[in-house]
Amino acid sequence: MNTSPVPFRRIILVCLNERPAGEASCGPRGGKEIADLLKKGVNDLGLKGQVRVTKTHCLGLCQLGPNVVVYPEGTLLSGVTPADVPAILEKYAKAEVK
């Protein structure tokens, strides 16, 4: 196994998990739209290659979703809506890692 530093200064995980009907999950609540908007925003800001937006499955806390996790901060954002995307880009994608 080889190890190397992560090539991105920030990674944003967006949950797209889908549970059976009647169970809370991020996918049907707008996870895909949020991920697509974040990816577009990162590209529009010229940050592709620096900030990675990744679609993922369950991040836990499904009842609070859609959920987004930002690394290296390890911050969980819950109840995210498309209207939150500009603020997420401003606070995390554009900011330098401390």
C-alpha atoms as a PDB file:
ATOM      1  CA  MET A   1       0.000   0.000   0.000  1.00  0.00           C
ATOM      2  CA  ASN A   2       1.239   3.471  -0.871  1.00  0.00           C
ATOM      3  CA  THR A   3       0.359   6.613   1.018  1.00  0.00           C
ATOM      4  CA  SER A   4       0.391  10.206  -0.169  1.00  0.00           C
ATOM      5  CA  PRO A   5      -1.126  13.510   0.871  1.00  0.00           C
ATOM      6  CA  VAL A   6      -4.664  14.233  -0.278  1.00  0.00           C
ATOM      7  CA  PRO A   7      -4.348  16.406  -3.409  1.00  0.00           C
ATOM      8  CA  PHE A   8      -7.255  18.709  -2.435  1.00  0.00           C
ATOM      9  CA  ARG A   9      -7.199  21.447   0.174  1.00  0.00           C
ATOM     10  CA  ARG A  10     -10.835  20.770   0.980  1.00  0.00           C
ATOM     11  CA  ILE A  11     -13.247  17.864   0.418  1.00  0.00           C
ATOM     12  CA  ILE A  12     -17.009  18.349   0.555  1.00  0.00           C
ATOM     13  CA  LEU A  13     -19.093  15.161   0.899  1.00  0.00           C
ATOM     14  CA  VAL A  14     -22.774  15.335  -0.028  1.00  0.00           C
ATOM     15  CA  CYS A  15     -25.106  12.518   1.008  1.00  0.00           C
ATOM     16  CA  LEU A  16     -27.330  11.070  -1.724  1.00  0.00           C
ATOM     17  CA  ASN A  17     -28.486   8.024   0.237  1.00  0.00           C
ATOM     18  CA  GLU A  18     -31.970   6.695  -0.501  1.00  0.00           C
ATOM     19  CA  ARG A  19     -33.846   4.640   2.075  1.00  0.00           C
ATOM     20  CA  PRO A  20     -37.161   2.814   1.594  1.00  0.00           C
ATOM     21  CA  ALA A  21     -40.287   4.941   1.230  1.00  0.00           C
ATOM     22  CA  GLY A  22     -41.354   6.532   4.474  1.00  0.00           C
ATOM     23  CA  GLU A  23     -37.831   6.614   5.955  1.00  0.00           C
ATOM     24  CA  ALA A  24     -35.818   9.833   6.144  1.00  0.00           C
ATOM     25  CA  SER A  25     -32.945  10.086   3.682  1.00  0.00           C
ATOM     26  CA  CYS A  26     -30.928  12.794   1.974  1.00  0.00           C
ATOM     27  CA  GLY A  27     -31.282  11.724  -1.658  1.00  0.00           C
ATOM     28  CA  PRO A  28     -35.000  12.396  -2.053  1.00  0.00           C
ATOM     29  CA  ARG A  29     -34.684  15.596  -0.034  1.00  0.00           C
ATOM     30  CA  GLY A  30     -32.438  17.289  -2.593  1.00  0.00           C
ATOM     31  CA  GLY A  31     -28.982  15.812  -2.046  1.00  0.00           C
ATOM     32  CA  LYS A  32     -28.286  15.418  -5.768  1.00  0.00           C
ATOM     33  CA  GLU A  33     -29.305  18.994  -6.563  1.00  0.00           C
ATOM     34  CA  ILE A  34     -27.104  20.291  -3.742  1.00  0.00           C
ATOM     35  CA  ALA A  35     -24.128  18.230  -4.955  1.00  0.00           C
ATOM     36  CA  ASP A  36     -24.615  19.414  -8.531  1.00  0.00           C
ATOM     37  CA  LEU A  37     -24.848  23.059  -7.437  1.00  0.00           C
ATOM     38  CA  LEU A  38     -21.723  22.743  -5.282  1.00  0.00           C
ATOM     39  CA  LYS A  39     -19.788  21.131  -8.151  1.00  0.00           C
ATOM     40  CA  LYS A  40     -20.903  23.860 -10.539  1.00  0.00           C
ATOM     41  CA  GLY A  41     -19.963  26.530  -8.008  1.00  0.00           C
ATOM     42  CA  VAL A  42     -16.501  25.067  -7.464  1.00  0.00           C
ATOM     43  CA  ASN A  43     -15.944  24.934 -11.227  1.00  0.00           C
ATOM     44  CA  ASP A  44     -17.281  28.482 -11.742  1.00  0.00           C
ATOM     45  CA  LEU A  45     -14.908  29.753  -9.042  1.00  0.00           C
ATOM     46  CA  GLY A  46     -11.963  28.095 -10.799  1.00  0.00           C
ATOM     47  CA  LEU A  47     -11.331  25.838  -7.810  1.00  0.00           C
ATOM     48  CA  LYS A  48     -11.500  22.487  -9.596  1.00  0.00           C
ATOM     49  CA  GLY A  49      -8.465  20.501  -8.473  1.00  0.00           C
ATOM     50  CA  GLN A  50      -8.339  22.383  -5.167  1.00  0.00           C
ATOM     51  CA  VAL A  51     -11.791  21.633  -3.766  1.00  0.00           C
ATOM     52  CA  ARG A  52     -13.409  18.250  -4.321  1.00  0.00           C
ATOM     53  CA  VAL A  53     -17.180  17.770  -4.124  1.00  0.00           C
ATOM     54  CA  THR A  54     -18.013  14.089  -3.762  1.00  0.00           C
ATOM     55  CA  LYS A  55     -21.391  12.387  -3.790  1.00  0.00           C
ATOM     56  CA  THR A  56     -21.588   9.749  -1.098  1.00  0.00           C
ATOM     57  CA  HIS A  57     -23.984   7.472   0.718  1.00  0.00           C
ATOM     58  CA  CYS A  58     -25.199   7.730   4.285  1.00  0.00           C
ATOM     59  CA  LEU A  59     -23.378  10.155   6.560  1.00  0.00           C
ATOM     60  CA  GLY A  60     -25.702   9.427   9.475  1.00  0.00           C
ATOM     61  CA  LEU A  61     -28.339  11.667  11.030  1.00  0.00           C
ATOM     62  CA  CYS A  62     -30.688  11.001   8.115  1.00  0.00           C
ATOM     63  CA  GLN A  63     -33.584  12.701   9.882  1.00  0.00           C
ATOM     64  CA  LEU A  64     -31.617  15.996   9.771  1.00  0.00           C
ATOM     65  CA  GLY A  65     -30.658  15.787   6.088  1.00  0.00           C
ATOM     66  CA  PRO A  66     -29.725  16.614   3.501  1.00  0.00           C
ATOM     67  CA  ASN A  67     -26.287  16.373   5.101  1.00  0.00           C
ATOM     68  CA  VAL A  68     -22.940  17.703   3.922  1.00  0.00           C
ATOM     69  CA  VAL A  69     -19.565  17.089   5.597  1.00  0.00           C
ATOM     70  CA  VAL A  70     -16.583  19.374   5.001  1.00  0.00           C
ATOM     71  CA  TYR A  71     -12.969  18.270   5.500  1.00  0.00           C
ATOM     72  CA  PRO A  72     -10.428  18.978   6.866  1.00  0.00           C
ATOM     73  CA  GLU A  73     -12.687  20.782   9.347  1.00  0.00           C
ATOM     74  CA  GLY A  74     -14.849  17.717   9.962  1.00  0.00           C
ATOM     75  CA  THR A  75     -17.929  19.941   9.992  1.00  0.00           C
ATOM     76  CA  LEU A  76     -21.383  18.416   9.533  1.00  0.00           C
ATOM     77  CA  LEU A  77     -23.907  20.693   7.835  1.00  0.00           C
ATOM     78  CA  SER A  78     -27.455  19.389   8.173  1.00  0.00           C
ATOM     79  CA  GLY A  79     -30.772  20.480   6.723  1.00  0.00           C
ATOM     80  CA  VAL A  80     -28.910  21.915   3.735  1.00  0.00           C
ATOM     81  CA  THR A  81     -30.994  23.417   0.938  1.00  0.00           C
ATOM     82  CA  PRO A  82     -30.017  24.700  -2.517  1.00  0.00           C
ATOM     83  CA  ALA A  83     -30.315  28.216  -1.091  1.00  0.00           C
ATOM     84  CA  ASP A  84     -27.425  27.381   1.307  1.00  0.00           C
ATOM     85  CA  VAL A  85     -24.973  26.576  -1.491  1.00  0.00           C
ATOM     86  CA  PRO A  86     -23.618  30.140  -1.995  1.00  0.00           C
ATOM     87  CA  ALA A  87     -22.847  30.412   1.733  1.00  0.00           C
ATOM     88  CA  ILE A  88     -21.155  26.988   1.758  1.00  0.00           C
ATOM     89  CA  LEU A  89     -19.009  27.990  -1.206  1.00  0.00           C
ATOM     90  CA  GLU A  90     -18.102  31.281   0.445  1.00  0.00           C
ATOM     91  CA  LYS A  91     -17.303  29.828   3.862  1.00  0.00           C
ATOM     92  CA  TYR A  92     -15.550  26.632   2.798  1.00  0.00           C
ATOM     93  CA  ALA A  93     -14.635  26.440  -0.891  1.00  0.00           C
ATOM     94  CA  LYS A  94     -13.172  29.930  -1.211  1.00  0.00           C
ATOM     95  CA  ALA A  95     -11.515  30.004   2.211  1.00  0.00           C
ATOM     96  CA  GLU A  96      -7.991  28.853   2.867  1.00  0.00           C
ATOM     97  CA  VAL A  97      -7.489  25.892   5.192  1.00  0.00           C
ATOM     98  CA  LYS A  98      -6.254  27.019   8.614  1.00  0.00           C
END
